[in-house]
Amino acid sequence: MYIIFTDLDNTLLDKEYSYIEAKEVLRRLKDANIPIIFCSAKTRREQEKIREKMGIYHPFIVEDGSAIYIPKGYFKKTKGQPINDYEIIILGTKIENIIKEIQNLQKKGYKIIGYQDMTPEEIAEITGLSIHDAKLAKDREFSETIIEYDKEGLKKLKRKFNVEIGGRFIHVFGKGTNKGKAIKILTRFYNEEHEKVKTIGIGDSYTDEPLLKAVDIPALVRGYNGKWAKLDVKNLYHAKGAGSKGWAETIKKFIFQGEIK
């Protein structure tokens, strides 16, 4: 049984937030009942919208590994805290703790500007998101996205939180939390219920290194600058295509052509 763990921005989604290049491959995966698990810096509400649009209803990992959302009853045994339609496993810290520290540093004169300091209109302008999607991006539970900063401010922030360079911005989230940790937990759940689980991970940036280290088959799509992120991951496949084109290329290579690394 294959399980796919995937980043979203500039990976399954292209730079215009489209997945047209991967649409046919997604259809084939769904027909084959292969779980596609989002593992992204995006929020729950952002991922819910994308899942609905794509017709994907598997577990998903939000805000760089800060929490795992499992649809209620997805596994035979309850795996997390039942809240609304989900069983939730929280691995990170609440955003209130991050914002409090950022505000303390701002008061001391450090330059740290994140989504919580901006309006949805401002977020939309710098990201290319619609106003509605910018509101979903701002609705963070466990992490903050930093747009502008000075190095000393980030250094202070690193003492209390993970501070990672993403594809475009800086991600701040709980210490001891990362995408890889969340993936290992979910992989264990699948192993408890299925034989011969094989995991594939697809990413594009430095924040995806833990994701790629936690899977059997790691793959990196090419960046839109024509280069790949330099990551220390064994047996890493470098897709020729960028974004959803590279994503589809990877799935075709390792699943539909039966080629195993």
Protein backbone atom coordinates (compact mmCIF):
# COMPACT_ATOMS: atom_id res chain seq x y z
CA MET A 1 0.00 0.00 0.00
CA TYR A 2 1.35 3.40 -1.00
CA ILE A 3 0.81 6.54 1.09
CA ILE A 4 1.71 9.96 -0.30
CA PHE A 5 2.77 12.80 2.00
CA THR A 6 2.95 16.07 0.12
CA ASP A 7 3.72 19.72 0.62
CA LEU A 8 1.31 22.11 -1.11
CA ASP A 9 2.73 25.50 -2.16
CA ASN A 10 5.05 25.16 -5.17
CA THR A 11 4.68 21.38 -4.94
CA LEU A 12 1.19 19.94 -5.51
CA LEU A 13 0.08 23.52 -6.18
CA ASP A 14 1.96 25.65 -8.71
CA LYS A 15 2.93 29.28 -8.18
CA GLU A 16 -0.57 30.37 -9.27
CA TYR A 17 -2.08 27.98 -6.66
CA SER A 18 -3.35 25.72 -9.45
CA TYR A 19 -2.96 21.94 -9.65
CA ILE A 20 -4.02 21.52 -13.30
CA GLU A 21 -0.79 19.69 -14.19
CA ALA A 22 -1.51 17.07 -11.52
CA LYS A 23 -5.27 16.73 -12.04
CA GLU A 24 -5.19 13.49 -14.06
CA VAL A 25 -2.66 11.87 -11.72
CA LEU A 26 -4.80 12.83 -8.71
CA ARG A 27 -7.81 11.19 -10.35
CA ARG A 28 -5.85 7.97 -10.88
CA LEU A 29 -4.63 7.99 -7.27
CA LYS A 30 -8.16 8.42 -5.97
CA ASP A 31 -9.41 5.61 -8.21
CA ALA A 32 -6.67 3.39 -6.73
CA ASN A 33 -7.63 4.44 -3.14
CA ILE A 34 -4.10 5.68 -2.42
CA PRO A 35 -4.09 8.13 0.54
CA ILE A 36 -2.85 11.63 -0.30
CA ILE A 37 -1.90 13.41 2.91
CA PHE A 38 -1.23 17.14 2.87
CA CYS A 39 1.73 18.12 5.03
CA SER A 40 2.11 21.86 4.75
CA ALA A 41 2.58 25.19 6.49
CA LYS A 42 -1.01 25.95 5.51
CA THR A 43 -3.73 26.21 8.14
CA ARG A 44 -6.57 23.79 8.79
CA ARG A 45 -9.07 26.06 7.06
CA GLU A 46 -6.82 26.50 4.01
CA GLN A 47 -6.29 22.77 3.70
CA GLU A 48 -9.98 22.00 4.20
CA LYS A 49 -10.81 24.19 1.21
CA ILE A 50 -8.20 22.49 -0.99
CA ARG A 51 -9.28 19.00 0.17
CA GLU A 52 -12.89 19.81 -0.66
CA LYS A 53 -11.91 21.12 -4.10
CA MET A 54 -9.78 18.05 -4.89
CA GLY A 55 -12.16 15.55 -3.30
CA ILE A 56 -9.51 14.27 -0.87
CA TYR A 57 -10.68 13.19 2.58
CA HIS A 58 -7.66 11.61 4.24
CA PRO A 59 -5.83 12.86 7.37
CA PHE A 60 -3.77 16.04 6.98
CA ILE A 61 -0.90 17.77 8.76
CA VAL A 62 -1.06 21.52 9.35
CA GLU A 63 1.33 24.37 10.10
CA ASP A 64 4.64 22.56 9.55
CA GLY A 65 3.76 19.51 11.62
CA SER A 66 2.10 21.35 14.50
CA ALA A 67 -1.06 19.21 14.44
CA ILE A 68 -2.54 16.15 12.76
CA TYR A 69 -6.21 16.21 11.76
CA ILE A 70 -7.77 12.77 11.27
CA PRO A 71 -11.38 12.47 10.05
CA LYS A 72 -13.47 10.85 12.80
CA GLY A 73 -13.59 7.08 12.43
CA TYR A 74 -10.89 7.01 9.73
CA PHE A 75 -8.87 4.43 11.67
CA LYS A 76 -10.37 1.52 13.59
CA LYS A 77 -9.34 3.01 16.92
CA THR A 78 -9.63 6.66 17.96
CA LYS A 79 -6.22 8.28 17.57
CA GLY A 80 -6.58 11.79 18.92
CA GLN A 81 -8.81 14.17 20.84
CA PRO A 82 -12.28 14.12 19.24
CA ILE A 83 -13.26 17.68 18.31
CA ASN A 84 -16.09 18.34 15.84
CA ASP A 85 -15.44 16.17 12.75
CA TYR A 86 -11.86 15.26 13.65
CA GLU A 87 -9.58 13.36 15.94
CA ILE A 88 -6.79 15.86 16.60
CA ILE A 89 -3.21 15.27 17.73
CA ILE A 90 -1.48 18.53 18.72
CA LEU A 91 2.31 18.44 18.57
CA GLY A 92 3.12 22.15 18.55
CA THR A 93 2.36 25.23 20.63
CA LYS A 94 -0.60 27.59 20.53
CA ILE A 95 -0.19 30.67 18.36
CA GLU A 96 -0.88 32.91 21.37
CA ASN A 97 2.50 31.92 22.81
CA ILE A 98 4.29 32.82 19.58
CA ILE A 99 2.48 36.15 19.15
CA LYS A 100 3.20 37.14 22.75
CA GLU A 101 6.94 36.61 22.21
CA ILE A 102 6.91 38.47 18.89
CA GLN A 103 5.12 41.42 20.51
CA ASN A 104 7.70 41.48 23.32
CA LEU A 105 10.50 41.63 20.76
CA GLN A 106 8.69 44.31 18.77
CA LYS A 107 8.43 46.44 21.91
CA LYS A 108 12.20 46.11 22.33
CA GLY A 109 12.74 47.53 18.85
CA TYR A 110 13.28 44.38 16.83
CA LYS A 111 11.73 44.27 13.37
CA ILE A 112 9.46 41.24 13.05
CA ILE A 113 6.37 41.60 10.89
CA GLY A 114 4.06 38.62 10.46
CA TYR A 115 0.58 37.79 9.23
CA GLN A 116 -0.95 38.81 12.57
CA ASP A 117 0.36 42.36 12.01
CA MET A 118 -1.25 42.56 8.57
CA THR A 119 -4.71 42.87 7.09
CA PRO A 120 -6.04 40.16 4.75
CA GLU A 121 -5.73 42.72 1.94
CA GLU A 122 -2.02 43.18 2.67
CA ILE A 123 -1.46 39.43 2.83
CA ALA A 124 -3.30 38.99 -0.48
CA GLU A 125 -1.12 41.63 -2.11
CA ILE A 126 2.20 39.98 -1.22
CA THR A 127 1.10 36.35 -1.72
CA GLY A 128 -1.19 36.53 -4.73
CA LEU A 129 -3.99 34.91 -2.71
CA SER A 130 -7.58 36.10 -2.95
CA ILE A 131 -8.86 38.16 0.00
CA HIS A 132 -10.90 35.16 1.16
CA ASP A 133 -7.89 32.81 1.01
CA ALA A 134 -5.72 35.42 2.75
CA LYS A 135 -8.21 35.36 5.66
CA LEU A 136 -7.85 31.57 5.83
CA ALA A 137 -4.05 31.91 5.80
CA LYS A 138 -4.20 34.45 8.63
CA ASP A 139 -6.38 32.16 10.74
CA ARG A 140 -3.43 30.31 12.27
CA GLU A 141 -3.63 28.09 15.35
CA PHE A 142 -0.06 26.93 15.99
CA SER A 143 2.40 29.01 13.95
CA GLU A 144 3.18 32.41 12.49
CA THR A 145 4.42 33.44 9.05
CA ILE A 146 7.05 36.19 9.10
CA ILE A 147 7.29 38.55 6.13
CA GLU A 148 9.88 41.11 7.28
CA TYR A 149 12.51 40.78 9.99
CA ASP A 150 15.94 41.68 11.22
CA LYS A 151 18.47 38.95 11.94
CA GLU A 152 18.80 39.75 15.65
CA GLY A 153 15.05 39.52 16.15
CA LEU A 154 14.95 36.10 14.49
CA LYS A 155 17.88 34.96 16.61
CA LYS A 156 15.94 35.85 19.77
CA LEU A 157 12.85 34.08 18.43
CA LYS A 158 14.87 30.91 17.75
CA ARG A 159 15.57 30.55 21.48
CA LYS A 160 11.94 29.61 22.12
CA PHE A 161 10.58 28.36 18.80
CA ASN A 162 11.48 26.63 15.55
CA VAL A 163 12.28 29.29 12.96
CA GLU A 164 12.55 27.90 9.42
CA ILE A 165 13.05 29.39 5.97
CA GLY A 166 10.16 28.34 3.75
CA GLY A 167 9.75 28.71 0.00
CA ARG A 168 9.00 32.43 0.34
CA PHE A 169 8.67 33.42 4.00
CA ILE A 170 9.86 32.50 7.49
CA HIS A 171 7.84 29.95 9.47
CA VAL A 172 7.74 30.08 13.29
CA PHE A 173 6.29 27.10 15.19
CA GLY A 174 6.73 25.00 18.32
CA LYS A 175 10.07 23.52 19.36
CA GLY A 176 10.36 19.78 18.88
CA THR A 177 7.75 19.94 16.12
CA ASN A 178 8.33 19.21 12.45
CA LYS A 179 6.68 17.57 9.46
CA GLY A 180 8.73 14.40 9.87
CA LYS A 181 7.54 13.76 13.41
CA ALA A 182 3.90 14.03 12.34
CA ILE A 183 4.50 11.77 9.33
CA LYS A 184 6.06 9.06 11.49
CA ILE A 185 3.01 9.09 13.77
CA LEU A 186 0.57 8.75 10.87
CA THR A 187 2.72 6.10 9.17
CA ARG A 188 2.58 4.06 12.39
CA PHE A 189 -1.22 4.29 12.38
CA TYR A 190 -1.37 3.02 8.79
CA ASN A 191 1.08 0.21 9.57
CA GLU A 192 -1.20 -0.96 12.39
CA GLU A 193 -4.02 -1.53 9.91
CA HIS A 194 -2.32 -2.36 6.59
CA GLU A 195 0.43 -4.69 5.41
CA LYS A 196 3.48 -3.50 3.48
CA VAL A 197 3.01 0.26 3.72
CA LYS A 198 5.37 2.25 1.47
CA THR A 199 5.56 6.02 1.89
CA ILE A 200 6.37 8.66 -0.71
CA GLY A 201 7.16 12.26 0.25
CA ILE A 202 7.17 15.23 -2.11
CA GLY A 203 8.37 18.72 -1.25
CA ASP A 204 10.15 21.76 -2.66
CA SER A 205 11.96 23.68 0.08
CA TYR A 206 14.15 23.55 3.19
CA THR A 207 11.17 23.14 5.51
CA ASP A 208 10.42 19.85 3.72
CA GLU A 209 13.69 18.19 4.77
CA PRO A 210 12.09 16.49 7.84
CA LEU A 211 9.20 15.37 5.63
CA LEU A 212 11.56 13.81 3.08
CA LYS A 213 13.71 12.12 5.72
CA ALA A 214 10.64 10.42 7.22
CA VAL A 215 9.52 8.56 4.06
CA ASP A 216 10.70 5.58 2.03
CA ILE A 217 10.81 7.44 -1.28
CA PRO A 218 11.74 11.15 -0.99
CA ALA A 219 11.27 13.47 -3.97
CA LEU A 220 11.99 17.14 -4.54
CA VAL A 221 10.35 19.18 -7.29
CA ARG A 222 12.39 21.80 -9.08
CA GLY A 223 11.98 25.40 -7.90
CA TYR A 224 10.56 28.04 -10.23
CA ASN A 225 14.05 29.59 -10.27
CA GLY A 226 15.19 26.48 -12.15
CA LYS A 227 17.08 25.06 -9.16
CA TRP A 228 16.42 22.51 -6.45
CA ALA A 229 16.71 23.28 -2.74
CA LYS A 230 19.96 21.82 -1.39
CA LEU A 231 18.88 19.22 1.13
CA ASP A 232 20.74 16.51 3.03
CA VAL A 233 18.42 13.60 2.23
CA LYS A 234 19.58 10.15 1.12
CA ASN A 235 18.33 8.73 -2.20
CA LEU A 236 16.51 11.97 -2.99
CA TYR A 237 14.79 12.01 -6.37
CA HIS A 238 14.99 15.36 -8.17
CA ALA A 239 11.94 15.88 -10.38
CA LYS A 240 12.65 17.77 -13.59
CA GLY A 241 9.41 19.71 -13.41
CA ALA A 242 8.47 22.52 -11.02
CA GLY A 243 5.32 22.60 -8.90
CA SER A 244 2.44 20.33 -9.88
CA LYS A 245 4.23 19.24 -13.07
CA GLY A 246 7.14 17.83 -11.02
CA TRP A 247 4.63 16.36 -8.56
CA ALA A 248 2.82 14.44 -11.30
CA GLU A 249 6.17 13.32 -12.77
CA THR A 250 7.16 11.82 -9.40
CA ILE A 251 3.91 9.90 -8.95
CA LYS A 252 4.06 8.52 -12.49
CA LYS A 253 7.64 7.38 -11.95
CA PHE A 254 7.23 5.63 -8.63
CA ILE A 255 3.64 4.44 -8.64
CA PHE A 256 2.19 4.14 -12.12
CA GLN A 257 5.34 2.87 -13.82
CA GLY A 258 6.12 0.54 -10.93
CA GLU A 259 9.63 1.89 -10.49
CA ILE A 260 10.83 1.45 -6.92
CA LYS A 261 13.89 3.12 -5.42
